[in-house]
Amino acid sequence: MNKFFSNKKLIVVMVAILLSLGMISFSVAVRDKKSTPPVIQQVGNDVVGIGARIVSAPAQWVKGGLDDISDLMNAYSENKSLKAQIEDLAQTKVQNQTLRTENKALKKQLKLDGTLTDYDQISASVMLRSPSDWRNMVTINKGSGAGVKKNMPVMSGSGVVGRIVEVNKTNAKVEMLSTDNKAADHFAAQITTKSGDTINGVITGYQAKTGYLILGQLNTDKNIKKGQQVVTSGLGGATPKGLLLGTVETIKKDDYGLANTVYLKPAANLDDLSVVTVIARTIASN
């Protein structure tokens, strides 16, 4: 009897083991067949997917709303900045118009057609520059027929490059600031200091080694600093006031340790000229 029960238990255990192995084998087989997951797994996956969509939908909506608010705030800030710039531009235009009106009234009161800073511009192209005379002279394609006259200053970009010394009907010659001609007609120049003082001088030469202009004959050697702008003074000849010549680079004493010699970095590239502007001074009195 005991032997029967013992065999029965053994049979149950064996059946249970076989069923377990069968279930494991079936599970592995089904798992490897990815297109047909178990029903329970399918149901679970569907439930999880639906839950994820339910949770993520409000989160995506909130995120999208926050992004829209951020974009709206950025657009508002940019719009506010642009409006401020437009207002500043409008105010600047009004100020300029007011200054022009006042200037016109003052010139009328003083019976002047122009001021030291008034000038017209004549555009021209460089048609000839000889390598043997590179530093001294260039020829432009505008002459007396276009209104060019002797002694008119010539600019390239934002700086003075020279002066008209010979005029023909259809062309003219420009003597460069870099000329080594000792008899050249030099430009009267000035520096305005931070304190408002004016220092007058003359462009007396050009230092080929450094490419600097030389400012000499100064009426004072005080308060000249590196980086200060040097412009035409408008005194004498046909040159208007305020044309940029260069900026102060170095200041040195002369051989006797007395007067200062100021070296300027030219405002224009004296070695690269293709298009220039001839400046026609318009000052005249009635």
C-alpha atoms as a PDB file:
ATOM      1  CA  MET A   1       0.000   0.000   0.000  1.00  0.00           C
ATOM      2  CA  ASN A   2       2.784   2.354   0.955  1.00  0.00           C
ATOM      3  CA  LYS A   3       4.573   1.366  -2.229  1.00  0.00           C
ATOM      4  CA  PHE A   4       1.498   2.346  -4.285  1.00  0.00           C
ATOM      5  CA  PHE A   5       1.253   5.774  -2.724  1.00  0.00           C
ATOM      6  CA  SER A   6       4.976   6.231  -3.189  1.00  0.00           C
ATOM      7  CA  ASN A   7       4.700   5.357  -6.899  1.00  0.00           C
ATOM      8  CA  LYS A   8       1.664   7.652  -7.235  1.00  0.00           C
ATOM      9  CA  LYS A   9       3.603  10.585  -5.800  1.00  0.00           C
ATOM     10  CA  LEU A  10       6.452   9.851  -8.178  1.00  0.00           C
ATOM     11  CA  ILE A  11       4.032   9.805 -11.122  1.00  0.00           C
ATOM     12  CA  VAL A  12       2.513  13.179 -10.057  1.00  0.00           C
ATOM     13  CA  VAL A  13       5.949  14.710  -9.752  1.00  0.00           C
ATOM     14  CA  MET A  14       6.967  13.409 -13.164  1.00  0.00           C
ATOM     15  CA  VAL A  15       3.729  14.704 -14.743  1.00  0.00           C
ATOM     16  CA  ALA A  16       4.244  18.056 -13.127  1.00  0.00           C
ATOM     17  CA  ILE A  17       7.826  18.224 -14.410  1.00  0.00           C
ATOM     18  CA  LEU A  18       6.722  17.241 -17.910  1.00  0.00           C
ATOM     19  CA  LEU A  19       3.960  19.868 -17.881  1.00  0.00           C
ATOM     20  CA  SER A  20       6.413  22.504 -16.682  1.00  0.00           C
ATOM     21  CA  LEU A  21       8.901  21.608 -19.390  1.00  0.00           C
ATOM     22  CA  GLY A  22       6.121  21.663 -21.979  1.00  0.00           C
ATOM     23  CA  MET A  23       4.941  25.100 -20.845  1.00  0.00           C
ATOM     24  CA  ILE A  24       8.481  26.421 -20.891  1.00  0.00           C
ATOM     25  CA  SER A  25       9.066  25.026 -24.377  1.00  0.00           C
ATOM     26  CA  PHE A  26       5.756  26.506 -25.596  1.00  0.00           C
ATOM     27  CA  SER A  27       6.582  29.872 -24.054  1.00  0.00           C
ATOM     28  CA  VAL A  28       9.997  29.945 -25.703  1.00  0.00           C
ATOM     29  CA  ALA A  29       8.521  28.944 -29.025  1.00  0.00           C
ATOM     30  CA  VAL A  30       5.834  31.614 -28.833  1.00  0.00           C
ATOM     31  CA  ARG A  31       8.334  34.240 -27.690  1.00  0.00           C
ATOM     32  CA  ASP A  32      10.573  33.538 -30.663  1.00  0.00           C
ATOM     33  CA  LYS A  33       7.573  33.913 -32.946  1.00  0.00           C
ATOM     34  CA  LYS A  34       7.300  37.673 -32.498  1.00  0.00           C
ATOM     35  CA  SER A  35       4.237  38.028 -34.710  1.00  0.00           C
ATOM     36  CA  THR A  36       2.056  35.993 -32.332  1.00  0.00           C
ATOM     37  CA  PRO A  37       2.668  36.966 -28.672  1.00  0.00           C
ATOM     38  CA  PRO A  38       0.568  35.261 -26.005  1.00  0.00           C
ATOM     39  CA  VAL A  39      -2.964  36.521 -25.522  1.00  0.00           C
ATOM     40  CA  ILE A  40      -2.200  37.712 -22.002  1.00  0.00           C
ATOM     41  CA  GLN A  41       0.898  39.498 -23.299  1.00  0.00           C
ATOM     42  CA  GLN A  42      -1.153  41.067 -26.063  1.00  0.00           C
ATOM     43  CA  VAL A  43      -3.751  42.287 -23.600  1.00  0.00           C
ATOM     44  CA  GLY A  44      -1.041  43.619 -21.303  1.00  0.00           C
ATOM     45  CA  ASN A  45       0.733  45.413 -24.123  1.00  0.00           C
ATOM     46  CA  ASP A  46      -2.511  46.993 -25.284  1.00  0.00           C
ATOM     47  CA  VAL A  47      -3.356  48.156 -21.783  1.00  0.00           C
ATOM     48  CA  VAL A  48       0.113  49.644 -21.299  1.00  0.00           C
ATOM     49  CA  GLY A  49      -0.011  51.346 -24.715  1.00  0.00           C
ATOM     50  CA  ILE A  50      -3.424  52.883 -24.052  1.00  0.00           C
ATOM     51  CA  GLY A  51      -2.274  54.021 -20.605  1.00  0.00           C
ATOM     52  CA  ALA A  52       0.885  55.576 -22.052  1.00  0.00           C
ATOM     53  CA  ARG A  53      -1.167  57.482 -24.618  1.00  0.00           C
ATOM     54  CA  ILE A  54      -3.585  58.667 -21.951  1.00  0.00           C
ATOM     55  CA  VAL A  55      -0.704  59.919 -19.792  1.00  0.00           C
ATOM     56  CA  SER A  56       1.440  61.346 -22.600  1.00  0.00           C
ATOM     57  CA  ALA A  57      -1.321  63.233 -24.409  1.00  0.00           C
ATOM     58  CA  PRO A  58      -1.838  65.856 -21.658  1.00  0.00           C
ATOM     59  CA  ALA A  59       1.943  66.081 -21.166  1.00  0.00           C
ATOM     60  CA  GLN A  60       2.470  66.749 -24.887  1.00  0.00           C
ATOM     61  CA  TRP A  61      -0.355  69.290 -24.840  1.00  0.00           C
ATOM     62  CA  VAL A  62       1.175  71.082 -21.850  1.00  0.00           C
ATOM     63  CA  LYS A  63       4.645  71.033 -23.454  1.00  0.00           C
ATOM     64  CA  GLY A  64       3.256  72.396 -26.723  1.00  0.00           C
ATOM     65  CA  GLY A  65       1.429  75.113 -24.824  1.00  0.00           C
ATOM     66  CA  LEU A  66       4.597  76.103 -22.945  1.00  0.00           C
ATOM     67  CA  ASP A  67       6.575  76.232 -26.226  1.00  0.00           C
ATOM     68  CA  ASP A  68       3.895  78.452 -27.768  1.00  0.00           C
ATOM     69  CA  ILE A  69       3.992  80.754 -24.748  1.00  0.00           C
ATOM     70  CA  SER A  70       7.803  80.918 -24.950  1.00  0.00           C
ATOM     71  CA  ASP A  71       7.660  81.749 -28.671  1.00  0.00           C
ATOM     72  CA  LEU A  72       5.012  84.378 -27.981  1.00  0.00           C
ATOM     73  CA  MET A  73       7.134  85.999 -25.252  1.00  0.00           C
ATOM     74  CA  ASN A  74      10.204  86.014 -27.534  1.00  0.00           C
ATOM     75  CA  ALA A  75       8.182  87.585 -30.337  1.00  0.00           C
ATOM     76  CA  TYR A  76       6.831  90.195 -27.914  1.00  0.00           C
ATOM     77  CA  SER A  77      10.332  91.023 -26.696  1.00  0.00           C
ATOM     78  CA  GLU A  78      11.700  91.304 -30.262  1.00  0.00           C
ATOM     79  CA  ASN A  79       8.723  93.421 -31.300  1.00  0.00           C
ATOM     80  CA  LYS A  80       9.262  95.739 -28.339  1.00  0.00           C
ATOM     81  CA  SER A  81      12.952  96.097 -29.214  1.00  0.00           C
ATOM     82  CA  LEU A  82      12.166  96.822 -32.877  1.00  0.00           C
ATOM     83  CA  LYS A  83       9.594  99.435 -31.892  1.00  0.00           C
ATOM     84  CA  ALA A  84      12.176 101.140 -29.667  1.00  0.00           C
ATOM     85  CA  GLN A  85      14.682 101.170 -32.555  1.00  0.00           C
ATOM     86  CA  ILE A  86      12.074 102.607 -34.916  1.00  0.00           C
ATOM     87  CA  GLU A  87      11.232 105.313 -32.387  1.00  0.00           C
ATOM     88  CA  ASP A  88      14.935 106.159 -31.990  1.00  0.00           C
ATOM     89  CA  LEU A  89      15.336 106.295 -35.778  1.00  0.00           C
ATOM     90  CA  ALA A  90      12.303 108.538 -36.117  1.00  0.00           C
ATOM     91  CA  GLN A  91      13.669 110.835 -33.388  1.00  0.00           C
ATOM     92  CA  THR A  92      17.069 110.935 -35.106  1.00  0.00           C
ATOM     93  CA  LYS A  93      15.426 111.904 -38.390  1.00  0.00           C
ATOM     94  CA  VAL A  94      13.515 114.682 -36.668  1.00  0.00           C
ATOM     95  CA  GLN A  95      16.713 115.966 -35.025  1.00  0.00           C
ATOM     96  CA  ASN A  96      18.588 115.877 -38.336  1.00  0.00           C
ATOM     97  CA  GLN A  97      15.786 117.745 -40.076  1.00  0.00           C
ATOM     98  CA  THR A  98      15.765 120.322 -37.288  1.00  0.00           C
ATOM     99  CA  LEU A  99      19.540 120.770 -37.516  1.00  0.00           C
ATOM    100  CA  ARG A 100      19.351 121.174 -41.301  1.00  0.00           C
ATOM    101  CA  THR A 101      16.642 123.810 -40.905  1.00  0.00           C
ATOM    102  CA  GLU A 102      18.640 125.674 -38.258  1.00  0.00           C
ATOM    103  CA  ASN A 103      21.819 125.455 -40.363  1.00  0.00           C
ATOM    104  CA  LYS A 104      19.992 126.861 -43.376  1.00  0.00           C
ATOM    105  CA  ALA A 105      18.605 129.733 -41.300  1.00  0.00           C
ATOM    106  CA  LEU A 106      22.039 130.512 -39.818  1.00  0.00           C
ATOM    107  CA  LYS A 107      23.710 130.503 -43.236  1.00  0.00           C
ATOM    108  CA  LYS A 108      21.006 132.822 -44.532  1.00  0.00           C
ATOM    109  CA  GLN A 109      21.563 135.143 -41.589  1.00  0.00           C
ATOM    110  CA  LEU A 110      25.329 135.116 -42.209  1.00  0.00           C
ATOM    111  CA  LYS A 111      24.747 135.523 -45.969  1.00  0.00           C
ATOM    112  CA  LEU A 112      26.661 132.349 -46.795  1.00  0.00           C
ATOM    113  CA  ASP A 113      25.864 129.783 -49.454  1.00  0.00           C
ATOM    114  CA  GLY A 114      27.877 127.106 -47.614  1.00  0.00           C
ATOM    115  CA  THR A 115      30.131 126.353 -44.656  1.00  0.00           C
ATOM    116  CA  LEU A 116      33.610 124.968 -44.201  1.00  0.00           C
ATOM    117  CA  THR A 117      32.183 121.450 -44.195  1.00  0.00           C
ATOM    118  CA  ASP A 118      29.976 121.740 -47.287  1.00  0.00           C
ATOM    119  CA  TYR A 119      31.064 119.937 -50.460  1.00  0.00           C
ATOM    120  CA  ASP A 120      29.885 118.059 -53.539  1.00  0.00           C
ATOM    121  CA  GLN A 121      31.254 114.697 -54.686  1.00  0.00           C
ATOM    122  CA  ILE A 122      32.482 113.558 -58.106  1.00  0.00           C
ATOM    123  CA  SER A 123      33.062 109.821 -58.453  1.00  0.00           C
ATOM    124  CA  ALA A 124      35.901 108.616 -60.671  1.00  0.00           C
ATOM    125  CA  SER A 125      37.931 105.507 -61.476  1.00  0.00           C
ATOM    126  CA  VAL A 126      41.695 105.178 -61.442  1.00  0.00           C
ATOM    127  CA  MET A 127      42.787 104.610 -65.039  1.00  0.00           C
ATOM    128  CA  LEU A 128      46.566 104.749 -64.669  1.00  0.00           C
ATOM    129  CA  ARG A 129      49.137 104.249 -61.940  1.00  0.00           C
ATOM    130  CA  SER A 130      52.699 103.743 -63.031  1.00  0.00           C
ATOM    131  CA  PRO A 131      54.794 101.260 -60.998  1.00  0.00           C
ATOM    132  CA  SER A 132      57.777 103.596 -61.361  1.00  0.00           C
ATOM    133  CA  ASP A 133      55.772 106.474 -59.867  1.00  0.00           C
ATOM    134  CA  TRP A 134      53.507 104.444 -57.578  1.00  0.00           C
ATOM    135  CA  ARG A 135      53.830 106.606 -54.463  1.00  0.00           C
ATOM    136  CA  ASN A 136      53.458 109.922 -56.216  1.00  0.00           C
ATOM    137  CA  MET A 137      50.746 110.019 -58.849  1.00  0.00           C
ATOM    138  CA  VAL A 138      47.573 108.390 -60.198  1.00  0.00           C
ATOM    139  CA  THR A 139      45.419 109.356 -63.172  1.00  0.00           C
ATOM    140  CA  ILE A 140      41.605 109.320 -62.912  1.00  0.00           C
ATOM    141  CA  ASN A 141      38.991 109.219 -65.679  1.00  0.00           C
ATOM    142  CA  LYS A 142      37.215 112.493 -64.794  1.00  0.00           C
ATOM    143  CA  GLY A 143      38.384 115.975 -65.764  1.00  0.00           C
ATOM    144  CA  SER A 144      37.151 119.514 -66.240  1.00  0.00           C
ATOM    145  CA  GLY A 145      34.171 118.239 -68.217  1.00  0.00           C
ATOM    146  CA  ALA A 146      32.880 116.631 -65.006  1.00  0.00           C
ATOM    147  CA  GLY A 147      33.649 119.660 -62.828  1.00  0.00           C
ATOM    148  CA  VAL A 148      37.058 118.569 -61.550  1.00  0.00           C
ATOM    149  CA  LYS A 149      39.400 121.463 -60.727  1.00  0.00           C
ATOM    150  CA  LYS A 150      42.984 121.798 -59.594  1.00  0.00           C
ATOM    151  CA  ASN A 151      43.674 121.499 -55.832  1.00  0.00           C
ATOM    152  CA  MET A 152      40.482 119.585 -55.100  1.00  0.00           C
ATOM    153  CA  PRO A 153      41.073 116.845 -52.493  1.00  0.00           C
ATOM    154  CA  VAL A 154      40.517 113.208 -53.452  1.00  0.00           C
ATOM    155  CA  MET A 155      39.222 110.460 -51.169  1.00  0.00           C
ATOM    156  CA  SER A 156      39.057 106.684 -51.301  1.00  0.00           C
ATOM    157  CA  GLY A 157      36.704 104.957 -48.900  1.00  0.00           C
ATOM    158  CA  SER A 158      36.627 107.047 -45.733  1.00  0.00           C
ATOM    159  CA  GLY A 159      39.984 108.790 -46.047  1.00  0.00           C
ATOM    160  CA  VAL A 160      41.866 111.396 -48.069  1.00  0.00           C
ATOM    161  CA  VAL A 161      44.410 109.985 -50.543  1.00  0.00           C
ATOM    162  CA  GLY A 162      45.666 113.101 -52.325  1.00  0.00           C
ATOM    163  CA  ARG A 163      44.957 116.267 -54.286  1.00  0.00           C
ATOM    164  CA  ILE A 164      44.263 117.156 -57.932  1.00  0.00           C
ATOM    165  CA  VAL A 165      47.382 118.745 -59.465  1.00  0.00           C
ATOM    166  CA  GLU A 166      46.624 118.612 -63.204  1.00  0.00           C
ATOM    167  CA  VAL A 167      43.290 118.758 -65.020  1.00  0.00           C
ATOM    168  CA  ASN A 168      42.441 117.837 -68.608  1.00  0.00           C
ATOM    169  CA  LYS A 169      39.076 117.676 -70.314  1.00  0.00           C
ATOM    170  CA  THR A 170      38.472 113.968 -69.687  1.00  0.00           C
ATOM    171  CA  ASN A 171      41.026 113.046 -67.014  1.00  0.00           C
ATOM    172  CA  ALA A 172      43.066 114.452 -64.148  1.00  0.00           C
ATOM    173  CA  LYS A 173      46.177 113.651 -62.162  1.00  0.00           C
ATOM    174  CA  VAL A 174      46.139 113.131 -58.398  1.00  0.00           C
ATOM    175  CA  GLU A 175      49.238 113.755 -56.292  1.00  0.00           C
ATOM    176  CA  MET A 176      49.197 111.200 -53.486  1.00  0.00           C
ATOM    177  CA  LEU A 177      49.628 111.862 -49.772  1.00  0.00           C
ATOM    178  CA  SER A 178      52.531 109.433 -49.977  1.00  0.00           C
ATOM    179  CA  THR A 179      54.420 111.571 -52.500  1.00  0.00           C
ATOM    180  CA  ASP A 180      58.110 112.276 -52.001  1.00  0.00           C
ATOM    181  CA  ASN A 181      57.762 115.623 -53.788  1.00  0.00           C
ATOM    182  CA  LYS A 182      59.125 118.185 -51.326  1.00  0.00           C
ATOM    183  CA  ALA A 183      57.277 120.981 -53.097  1.00  0.00           C
ATOM    184  CA  ALA A 184      53.870 119.311 -52.744  1.00  0.00           C
ATOM    185  CA  ASP A 185      50.986 121.407 -51.457  1.00  0.00           C
ATOM    186  CA  HIS A 186      50.419 119.858 -48.022  1.00  0.00           C
ATOM    187  CA  PHE A 187      47.098 119.462 -46.256  1.00  0.00           C
ATOM    188  CA  ALA A 188      46.281 121.635 -43.225  1.00  0.00           C
ATOM    189  CA  ALA A 189      45.109 119.310 -40.461  1.00  0.00           C
ATOM    190  CA  GLN A 190      43.771 119.374 -36.928  1.00  0.00           C
ATOM    191  CA  ILE A 191      43.142 117.180 -33.899  1.00  0.00           C
ATOM    192  CA  THR A 192      40.302 117.798 -31.470  1.00  0.00           C
ATOM    193  CA  THR A 193      41.170 116.554 -27.969  1.00  0.00           C
ATOM    194  CA  LYS A 194      38.736 115.065 -25.447  1.00  0.00           C
ATOM    195  CA  SER A 195      38.684 118.377 -23.612  1.00  0.00           C
ATOM    196  CA  GLY A 196      37.542 120.118 -26.796  1.00  0.00           C
ATOM    197  CA  ASP A 197      40.843 121.841 -27.580  1.00  0.00           C
ATOM    198  CA  THR A 198      41.950 122.047 -31.217  1.00  0.00           C
ATOM    199  CA  ILE A 199      45.541 121.272 -32.229  1.00  0.00           C
ATOM    200  CA  ASN A 200      46.499 122.503 -35.705  1.00  0.00           C
ATOM    201  CA  GLY A 201      49.278 121.179 -37.918  1.00  0.00           C
ATOM    202  CA  VAL A 202      50.251 120.248 -41.456  1.00  0.00           C
ATOM    203  CA  ILE A 203      50.795 116.896 -43.185  1.00  0.00           C
ATOM    204  CA  THR A 204      54.480 117.341 -43.985  1.00  0.00           C
ATOM    205  CA  GLY A 205      55.456 113.970 -45.406  1.00  0.00           C
ATOM    206  CA  TYR A 206      55.178 110.205 -45.583  1.00  0.00           C
ATOM    207  CA  GLN A 207      57.314 107.506 -43.972  1.00  0.00           C
ATOM    208  CA  ALA A 208      57.664 104.766 -46.590  1.00  0.00           C
ATOM    209  CA  LYS A 209      59.116 102.210 -44.163  1.00  0.00           C
ATOM    210  CA  THR A 210      56.093 102.225 -41.852  1.00  0.00           C
ATOM    211  CA  GLY A 211      53.433 103.561 -44.225  1.00  0.00           C
ATOM    212  CA  TYR A 212      52.642 106.419 -41.809  1.00  0.00           C
ATOM    213  CA  LEU A 213      51.815 110.035 -42.633  1.00  0.00           C
ATOM    214  CA  ILE A 214      53.815 112.680 -40.795  1.00  0.00           C
ATOM    215  CA  LEU A 215      51.994 115.513 -39.024  1.00  0.00           C
ATOM    216  CA  GLY A 216      54.235 118.460 -38.189  1.00  0.00           C
ATOM    217  CA  GLN A 217      54.233 122.236 -37.617  1.00  0.00           C
ATOM    218  CA  LEU A 218      51.967 121.757 -34.591  1.00  0.00           C
ATOM    219  CA  ASN A 219      50.778 124.805 -32.681  1.00  0.00           C
ATOM    220  CA  THR A 220      51.046 122.785 -29.445  1.00  0.00           C
ATOM    221  CA  ASP A 221      52.372 119.385 -28.409  1.00  0.00           C
ATOM    222  CA  LYS A 222      50.032 118.837 -25.463  1.00  0.00           C
ATOM    223  CA  ASN A 223      47.224 116.285 -25.058  1.00  0.00           C
ATOM    224  CA  ILE A 224      47.953 114.353 -28.256  1.00  0.00           C
ATOM    225  CA  LYS A 225      47.102 110.684 -27.693  1.00  0.00           C
ATOM    226  CA  LYS A 226      47.328 107.525 -29.751  1.00  0.00           C
ATOM    227  CA  GLY A 227      44.091 106.713 -31.550  1.00  0.00           C
ATOM    228  CA  GLN A 228      42.923 110.316 -31.942  1.00  0.00           C
ATOM    229  CA  GLN A 229      41.493 111.173 -35.358  1.00  0.00           C
ATOM    230  CA  VAL A 230      43.196 113.736 -37.570  1.00  0.00           C
ATOM    231  CA  VAL A 231      41.031 115.618 -40.101  1.00  0.00           C
ATOM    232  CA  THR A 232      41.441 118.453 -42.566  1.00  0.00           C
ATOM    233  CA  SER A 233      41.058 121.864 -40.912  1.00  0.00           C
ATOM    234  CA  GLY A 234      39.396 123.571 -43.873  1.00  0.00           C
ATOM    235  CA  LEU A 235      41.888 126.436 -43.722  1.00  0.00           C
ATOM    236  CA  GLY A 236      43.114 127.674 -47.096  1.00  0.00           C
ATOM    237  CA  GLY A 237      42.747 126.202 -50.561  1.00  0.00           C
ATOM    238  CA  ALA A 238      39.851 124.105 -51.785  1.00  0.00           C
ATOM    239  CA  THR A 239      39.747 121.501 -49.008  1.00  0.00           C
ATOM    240  CA  PRO A 240      36.611 121.327 -46.817  1.00  0.00           C
ATOM    241  CA  LYS A 241      36.889 120.878 -43.073  1.00  0.00           C
ATOM    242  CA  GLY A 242      36.433 117.460 -41.496  1.00  0.00           C
ATOM    243  CA  LEU A 243      37.799 115.055 -44.125  1.00  0.00           C
ATOM    244  CA  LEU A 244      39.498 112.160 -42.363  1.00  0.00           C
ATOM    245  CA  LEU A 245      43.260 111.886 -42.893  1.00  0.00           C
ATOM    246  CA  GLY A 246      44.192 109.220 -40.350  1.00  0.00           C
ATOM    247  CA  THR A 247      44.595 108.344 -36.685  1.00  0.00           C
ATOM    248  CA  VAL A 248      47.496 109.056 -34.353  1.00  0.00           C
ATOM    249  CA  GLU A 249      49.826 106.069 -34.137  1.00  0.00           C
ATOM    250  CA  THR A 250      52.991 107.356 -32.416  1.00  0.00           C
ATOM    251  CA  ILE A 251      54.362 110.651 -31.075  1.00  0.00           C
ATOM    252  CA  LYS A 252      58.089 111.412 -31.131  1.00  0.00           C
ATOM    253  CA  LYS A 253      60.359 114.339 -30.301  1.00  0.00           C
ATOM    254  CA  ASP A 254      62.506 115.774 -33.053  1.00  0.00           C
ATOM    255  CA  ASP A 255      66.305 115.444 -33.164  1.00  0.00           C
ATOM    256  CA  TYR A 256      66.660 118.330 -30.719  1.00  0.00           C
ATOM    257  CA  GLY A 257      64.136 116.930 -28.242  1.00  0.00           C
ATOM    258  CA  LEU A 258      61.805 119.859 -28.784  1.00  0.00           C
ATOM    259  CA  ALA A 259      58.677 119.757 -30.945  1.00  0.00           C
ATOM    260  CA  ASN A 260      56.622 116.616 -31.367  1.00  0.00           C
ATOM    261  CA  THR A 261      56.331 114.810 -34.669  1.00  0.00           C
ATOM    262  CA  VAL A 262      53.099 112.838 -34.922  1.00  0.00           C
ATOM    263  CA  TYR A 263      52.858 109.736 -37.093  1.00  0.00           C
ATOM    264  CA  LEU A 264      49.450 108.855 -38.479  1.00  0.00           C
ATOM    265  CA  LYS A 265      48.010 105.630 -39.814  1.00  0.00           C
ATOM    266  CA  PRO A 266      46.252 106.706 -43.054  1.00  0.00           C
ATOM    267  CA  ALA A 267      42.474 106.351 -43.076  1.00  0.00           C
ATOM    268  CA  ALA A 268      42.584 105.083 -46.673  1.00  0.00           C
ATOM    269  CA  ASN A 269      44.630 102.293 -48.211  1.00  0.00           C
ATOM    270  CA  LEU A 270      47.114 104.275 -50.302  1.00  0.00           C
ATOM    271  CA  ASP A 271      48.336 101.148 -52.111  1.00  0.00           C
ATOM    272  CA  ASP A 272      44.951  99.909 -53.326  1.00  0.00           C
ATOM    273  CA  LEU A 273      42.966 102.454 -55.340  1.00  0.00           C
ATOM    274  CA  SER A 274      40.361 101.655 -57.967  1.00  0.00           C
ATOM    275  CA  VAL A 275      37.461 104.035 -57.313  1.00  0.00           C
ATOM    276  CA  VAL A 276      37.933 107.502 -55.803  1.00  0.00           C
ATOM    277  CA  THR A 277      35.821 110.545 -54.946  1.00  0.00           C
ATOM    278  CA  VAL A 278      36.855 114.065 -55.853  1.00  0.00           C
ATOM    279  CA  ILE A 279      35.642 116.601 -53.275  1.00  0.00           C
ATOM    280  CA  ALA A 280      34.365 119.953 -54.593  1.00  0.00           C
ATOM    281  CA  ARG A 281      34.183 122.563 -51.841  1.00  0.00           C
ATOM    282  CA  THR A 282      30.985 124.645 -52.088  1.00  0.00           C
ATOM    283  CA  ILE A 283      31.637 127.485 -49.624  1.00  0.00           C
ATOM    284  CA  ALA A 284      31.020 130.927 -51.077  1.00  0.00           C
ATOM    285  CA  SER A 285      29.830 134.303 -49.779  1.00  0.00           C
ATOM    286  CA  ASN A 286      27.283 136.604 -51.290  1.00  0.00           C
END
